[in-house]
Structure formats: C-alpha cells, structure tokens
Amino acid sequence: MKKLLCIMIAMVMCLGLLAGCDGTTTPVDPNAPVGGNTNEGGNPEIGTMFEIALTAPFTGFDPLRTNDSASTYVNAQIYETLYRINPVTGEYDPLLAAELPEFSEDGMTVTVKLREGVKWVDMNGNIKGDVTAHDWAVALEWVMNFYKNDSSHTSQPIEMIAGAKEYYEYTKGLTQEEAYALDASEGSVFMEMVGIECPDDLTLVYTCPTEKPYFPSFPAWAGLYPMPQAMVDELGVDGVKSMDNTNYWYNGCYTMTE
C-alpha cells in the first residue's frame, strides 16, 4: 500500500518537510497513531501533515555520524534499523529484521534474518535499490573507519563485535587516501578482520567477542543503521559526509523534501 505522508519539523535553525515514501516499511503497531489525520485503521491519511517541534538545531542527515538529540530524533523518522524498543512493552520489536535474533549455543554468534522487499528510495520516493544484508557491513566499515566517520559511534561496536577495535586501530595507521579506499566487499580487509558475515541478501551473522545476551539493544541504536554501497559510490566519501535531504537514500516511512 502506497503512502504519501508528511511531517513538518520546526526547529531553531532548520525548517524541514518530511514526506512519506513508498510504504515498504510500516509501523510495528499499525493502530498506533503517529500524528496528523488518520483513517479508520489508525494510519495516517495520504497527504496529511503534522508538526514536531524540536528544542535544538538539526545538524546532519548521516545517522552513523550525528549523535545530537535533534538529529537522532529526525533521522529516526526517515531511516530504520533492525529493531526498536517498544515504548509500551519495553521489549524489542523487529523493524528491518524479520524476527528477533538467533543465538548460537555459546551465545557468541548472532544471526539476524531481514525482511524481504524493503527498498532504498530518494527524496521523491523513487526506488534506488533493495535493502540487503551487505548494507550493514558497509555501514559498520564506515563507522569503524577512523577517517570516514571521525570516531563517532565507535564504542558499542568495539564492545559488541569481534575485530571491530582492531579494524579501527588499523585504519588509524593509514593515510586518509588509503582509508577512503577501503570498503566491505568480499575478501576485503574489513571482512577478513571484523566479525560480520552476509551469507545471503537477507541474512546477517555477527560474531561477538564474548556472550552478549543483550545484543538486540545494539541494532536498535542509531550507529547501526544500514548504508548502501551504491549510495557511497554515487556520492563519494566526502559527498556522504556533506549529504543533505536531496541526495541521501531513505529506507524509513518518510522522506524530507525541503
């Protein structure tokens, strides 16, 4: 079902308009109102608008890099990650994941199955590509690359994922040009060093340094949003760092059109 939803965000330094994309991602509870006018099922009507007032300036579109409260809140409306904390039950609900993760017997290997059919779209809702497991590998490489992500959001992967700390230290010893050239392709230094695998397009496998029974809290965190390699190729590393609403690829319920 196609949706065109809008959110108007008023803030100190930025006035943005969020417009709904193609509806490939839907709220976990379809009866929970999210603002604006709703239909009989409790879902926002096509073309509705509602306001969200923030008390701080919005500073950036890259959820892997920004960590201020205003940007985190806005980015949560336009990007989705694997899980979210249900505000009613306090439990973890799958978003881009198809189900809760499966743990190995020793608790150190975590397998996540992804929802099928989720798309990346541009600000106008035009499909750019499929959301696949490899997008999380690309994103993790970006976060743990000293030169690409300016050491933002590194603490949790260092604790949660085997080899993440070693890869971060490895990139610190490179030149910027060398680090920019790194990626998460098959056989890359990153894939050899870090405990993440993508057996197929809909399966993610993480290896933890120790047992992590609270692992679902990690993919619910902003620093583990996915990032498509095709977008990086299109914009370049510096282009991703300076991207705005007009050139980023979205995977959530909304896009920002102004």
Protein backbone atom coordinates (compact mmCIF):
# COMPACT_ATOMS: atom_id res chain seq x y z
CA MET A 1 0.00 0.00 0.00
CA LYS A 2 1.46 3.25 -1.09
CA LYS A 3 1.59 6.18 1.33
CA LEU A 4 2.48 9.81 0.95
CA LEU A 5 2.84 11.17 4.46
CA CYS A 6 4.26 14.46 5.64
CA ILE A 7 5.89 15.66 8.81
CA MET A 8 6.69 19.32 9.28
CA ILE A 9 9.60 19.81 11.62
CA ALA A 10 10.03 23.20 13.26
CA MET A 11 13.33 23.87 14.96
CA VAL A 12 15.66 26.69 15.84
CA MET A 13 17.82 26.60 12.72
CA CYS A 14 16.01 24.32 10.32
CA LEU A 15 12.54 24.01 8.90
CA GLY A 16 12.14 20.71 7.10
CA LEU A 17 9.32 18.91 5.41
CA LEU A 18 9.17 15.15 5.66
CA ALA A 19 7.10 13.35 3.05
CA GLY A 20 6.17 9.68 3.17
CA CYS A 21 7.83 7.34 0.72
CA ASP A 22 6.65 4.15 -0.87
CA GLY A 23 5.45 2.39 2.28
CA THR A 24 7.80 -0.57 2.15
CA THR A 25 8.31 -0.07 5.88
CA THR A 26 5.35 0.15 8.24
CA PRO A 27 4.88 0.84 11.95
CA VAL A 28 5.15 -2.20 14.21
CA ASP A 29 1.69 -1.38 15.62
CA PRO A 30 -0.49 -0.28 12.68
CA ASN A 31 -3.13 1.03 15.09
CA ALA A 32 -0.79 3.42 16.87
CA PRO A 33 -1.41 7.00 15.68
CA VAL A 34 1.73 8.82 14.56
CA GLY A 35 0.23 12.27 14.13
CA GLY A 36 -1.90 14.16 11.64
CA ASN A 37 -5.23 12.92 10.35
CA THR A 38 -5.78 9.17 10.47
CA ASN A 39 -8.12 6.82 8.68
CA GLU A 40 -10.37 4.21 10.31
CA GLY A 41 -7.42 1.86 10.73
CA GLY A 42 -5.46 4.46 12.66
CA ASN A 43 -2.92 5.01 9.88
CA PRO A 44 -2.07 8.49 8.55
CA GLU A 45 -4.08 9.55 5.54
CA ILE A 46 -2.45 10.33 2.22
CA GLY A 47 -1.18 13.88 2.12
CA THR A 48 -1.65 14.62 5.83
CA MET A 49 0.77 16.86 7.72
CA PHE A 50 1.67 17.27 11.37
CA GLU A 51 4.21 19.29 13.31
CA ILE A 52 7.02 18.19 15.57
CA ALA A 53 8.80 20.94 17.48
CA LEU A 54 12.42 20.36 18.46
CA THR A 55 14.33 22.40 21.01
CA ALA A 56 17.76 22.13 19.36
CA PRO A 57 19.12 22.59 15.82
CA PHE A 58 19.27 19.70 13.38
CA THR A 59 22.92 19.14 12.45
CA GLY A 60 23.13 16.32 9.91
CA PHE A 61 21.49 13.58 7.87
CA ASP A 62 24.02 10.80 8.44
CA PRO A 63 22.76 8.73 11.39
CA LEU A 64 26.08 6.88 11.54
CA ARG A 65 27.89 10.12 12.33
CA THR A 66 25.49 12.51 14.08
CA ASN A 67 24.71 11.98 17.75
CA ASP A 68 22.92 15.10 18.97
CA SER A 69 19.37 14.59 20.19
CA ALA A 70 17.62 16.66 17.49
CA SER A 71 19.35 14.92 14.57
CA THR A 72 18.89 11.50 16.14
CA TYR A 73 15.17 12.17 16.50
CA VAL A 74 14.72 13.41 12.94
CA ASN A 75 16.82 10.60 11.45
CA ALA A 76 14.72 8.05 13.32
CA GLN A 77 11.73 9.20 11.26
CA ILE A 78 13.42 8.75 7.87
CA TYR A 79 15.74 5.76 8.43
CA GLU A 80 15.05 2.42 10.04
CA THR A 81 17.34 -0.07 11.69
CA LEU A 82 16.93 -3.71 12.69
CA TYR A 83 14.96 -3.34 15.93
CA ARG A 84 13.24 -0.78 18.08
CA ILE A 85 12.27 -0.68 21.73
CA ASN A 86 8.51 -0.92 22.04
CA PRO A 87 7.50 2.11 24.13
CA VAL A 88 4.57 0.21 25.67
CA THR A 89 6.07 -3.19 26.47
CA GLY A 90 9.77 -2.26 26.74
CA GLU A 91 10.54 -5.29 24.55
CA TYR A 92 12.47 -5.25 21.26
CA ASP A 93 10.34 -5.32 18.12
CA PRO A 94 11.75 -6.19 14.68
CA LEU A 95 11.78 -3.34 12.15
CA LEU A 96 14.01 -4.20 9.21
CA ALA A 97 14.67 -7.55 10.84
CA ALA A 98 12.10 -10.24 10.14
CA GLU A 99 12.32 -11.65 13.65
CA LEU A 100 14.34 -11.47 16.84
CA PRO A 101 17.96 -12.67 16.51
CA GLU A 102 19.01 -16.28 16.89
CA PHE A 103 21.94 -17.01 19.22
CA SER A 104 24.42 -19.85 18.90
CA GLU A 105 24.79 -22.29 21.79
CA ASP A 106 27.77 -20.39 23.19
CA GLY A 107 25.95 -17.06 22.75
CA MET A 108 28.76 -15.52 20.71
CA THR A 109 27.29 -15.85 17.21
CA VAL A 110 24.14 -13.89 16.42
CA THR A 111 22.10 -14.46 13.26
CA VAL A 112 19.60 -11.86 12.06
CA LYS A 113 17.09 -12.50 9.28
CA LEU A 114 15.96 -9.44 7.32
CA ARG A 115 12.56 -8.51 5.95
CA GLU A 116 12.20 -9.10 2.25
CA GLY A 117 11.17 -6.37 -0.19
CA VAL A 118 12.40 -3.27 1.68
CA LYS A 119 13.69 -0.58 -0.67
CA TRP A 120 16.03 2.39 -0.66
CA VAL A 121 14.33 5.45 -2.14
CA ASP A 122 15.28 9.02 -2.95
CA MET A 123 13.56 12.09 -1.52
CA ASN A 124 10.72 11.74 -4.05
CA GLY A 125 10.09 8.09 -3.25
CA ASN A 126 11.77 6.75 -6.40
CA ILE A 127 13.29 3.32 -5.78
CA LYS A 128 17.10 3.29 -5.76
CA GLY A 129 17.69 -0.34 -4.77
CA ASP A 130 16.98 -3.17 -2.33
CA VAL A 131 17.93 -3.08 1.32
CA THR A 132 20.26 -6.07 1.79
CA ALA A 133 22.46 -7.56 4.49
CA HIS A 134 25.55 -6.11 2.83
CA ASP A 135 24.28 -2.61 3.67
CA TRP A 136 25.01 -3.32 7.35
CA ALA A 137 28.55 -4.43 6.51
CA VAL A 138 29.10 -1.23 4.52
CA ALA A 139 27.76 0.83 7.42
CA LEU A 140 29.90 -0.93 10.03
CA GLU A 141 33.01 -0.44 7.91
CA TRP A 142 32.12 3.25 7.70
CA VAL A 143 31.64 3.60 11.47
CA MET A 144 34.87 1.80 12.32
CA ASN A 145 36.94 3.61 9.67
CA PHE A 146 38.80 6.35 11.55
CA TYR A 147 38.90 8.74 8.58
CA LYS A 148 35.39 8.17 7.27
CA ASN A 149 33.41 8.60 10.47
CA ASP A 150 35.63 10.78 12.65
CA SER A 151 35.48 8.29 15.56
CA SER A 152 31.73 8.74 16.01
CA HIS A 153 29.66 5.84 17.42
CA THR A 154 32.65 3.51 17.79
CA SER A 155 32.31 2.46 21.43
CA GLN A 156 29.44 -0.02 21.08
CA PRO A 157 30.82 -1.92 18.05
CA ILE A 158 34.17 -2.14 19.82
CA GLU A 159 32.43 -3.82 22.75
CA MET A 160 29.93 -5.91 20.79
CA ILE A 161 31.63 -7.13 17.60
CA ALA A 162 34.80 -9.19 17.34
CA GLY A 163 37.60 -7.46 15.45
CA ALA A 164 35.94 -4.03 15.38
CA LYS A 165 38.52 -2.44 17.68
CA GLU A 166 41.41 -3.95 15.71
CA TYR A 167 39.98 -2.64 12.43
CA TYR A 168 39.53 0.83 13.89
CA GLU A 169 43.15 0.88 15.07
CA TYR A 170 44.26 -0.43 11.67
CA THR A 171 42.57 2.45 9.83
CA LYS A 172 44.11 4.99 12.21
CA GLY A 173 47.53 3.95 10.93
CA LEU A 174 46.65 4.65 7.29
CA THR A 175 46.62 7.84 5.31
CA GLN A 176 43.25 9.42 4.58
CA GLU A 177 43.50 8.37 0.94
CA GLU A 178 44.22 4.75 1.92
CA ALA A 179 41.37 4.68 4.44
CA TYR A 180 38.88 6.22 1.99
CA ALA A 181 39.67 3.43 -0.47
CA LEU A 182 38.64 0.70 1.98
CA ASP A 183 35.24 -0.96 1.70
CA ALA A 184 33.28 -4.01 2.85
CA SER A 185 33.49 -6.03 -0.35
CA GLU A 186 34.07 -9.77 -0.28
CA GLY A 187 37.67 -10.56 0.62
CA SER A 188 38.33 -7.00 1.85
CA VAL A 189 40.49 -6.27 4.90
CA PHE A 190 37.34 -5.30 6.78
CA MET A 191 35.50 -8.55 6.06
CA GLU A 192 38.60 -10.54 6.99
CA MET A 193 39.14 -8.71 10.29
CA VAL A 194 35.65 -7.97 11.63
CA GLY A 195 33.01 -10.41 12.89
CA ILE A 196 30.25 -9.78 10.38
CA GLU A 197 29.12 -12.05 7.54
CA CYS A 198 26.42 -11.82 4.88
CA PRO A 199 25.69 -15.38 3.72
CA ASP A 200 22.88 -14.07 1.53
CA ASP A 201 20.95 -10.86 0.92
CA LEU A 202 18.60 -11.44 3.84
CA THR A 203 20.95 -12.88 6.48
CA LEU A 204 23.38 -11.11 8.80
CA VAL A 205 25.74 -13.00 11.09
CA TYR A 206 27.64 -11.20 13.84
CA THR A 207 30.44 -12.70 15.92
CA CYS A 208 30.79 -11.24 19.40
CA PRO A 209 33.99 -11.34 21.47
CA THR A 210 32.02 -12.71 24.45
CA GLU A 211 28.43 -13.76 25.09
CA LYS A 212 26.07 -10.79 24.58
CA PRO A 213 22.52 -11.72 25.62
CA TYR A 214 21.51 -8.06 25.31
CA PHE A 215 22.54 -7.97 21.64
CA PRO A 216 19.11 -6.75 20.34
CA SER A 217 19.75 -3.42 22.07
CA PHE A 218 22.76 -2.88 19.81
CA PRO A 219 20.99 -2.95 16.40
CA ALA A 220 18.29 -0.65 17.83
CA TRP A 221 20.97 2.01 18.25
CA ALA A 222 21.44 4.79 15.69
CA GLY A 223 25.05 3.85 14.92
CA LEU A 224 23.92 0.60 13.33
CA TYR A 225 21.72 1.96 10.58
CA PRO A 226 22.50 0.37 7.18
CA MET A 227 24.27 2.21 4.37
CA PRO A 228 24.15 1.08 0.71
CA GLN A 229 27.46 0.88 -1.14
CA ALA A 230 25.75 2.17 -4.28
CA MET A 231 24.98 5.43 -2.48
CA VAL A 232 28.60 5.75 -1.36
CA ASP A 233 29.71 5.13 -4.95
CA GLU A 234 27.25 7.75 -6.19
CA LEU A 235 28.19 10.47 -3.69
CA GLY A 236 31.77 9.63 -2.77
CA VAL A 237 33.09 9.61 0.80
CA ASP A 238 33.18 13.39 1.16
CA GLY A 239 29.79 13.62 -0.52
CA VAL A 240 28.29 11.26 2.08
CA LYS A 241 29.82 13.38 4.85
CA SER A 242 28.14 16.52 3.48
CA MET A 243 24.92 14.99 2.12
CA ASP A 244 21.56 16.62 2.61
CA ASN A 245 17.93 15.62 2.17
CA THR A 246 18.14 15.92 -1.63
CA ASN A 247 20.75 13.22 -2.22
CA TYR A 248 20.52 10.77 0.68
CA TRP A 249 18.82 7.40 0.24
CA TYR A 250 15.98 6.69 2.66
CA ASN A 251 14.65 3.37 3.97
CA GLY A 252 12.07 4.51 6.52
CA CYS A 253 8.47 5.63 6.41
CA TYR A 254 9.25 9.23 5.49
CA THR A 255 11.49 11.38 3.34
CA MET A 256 12.46 15.01 3.89
CA THR A 257 11.53 17.06 0.83
CA GLU A 258 12.57 20.56 1.94
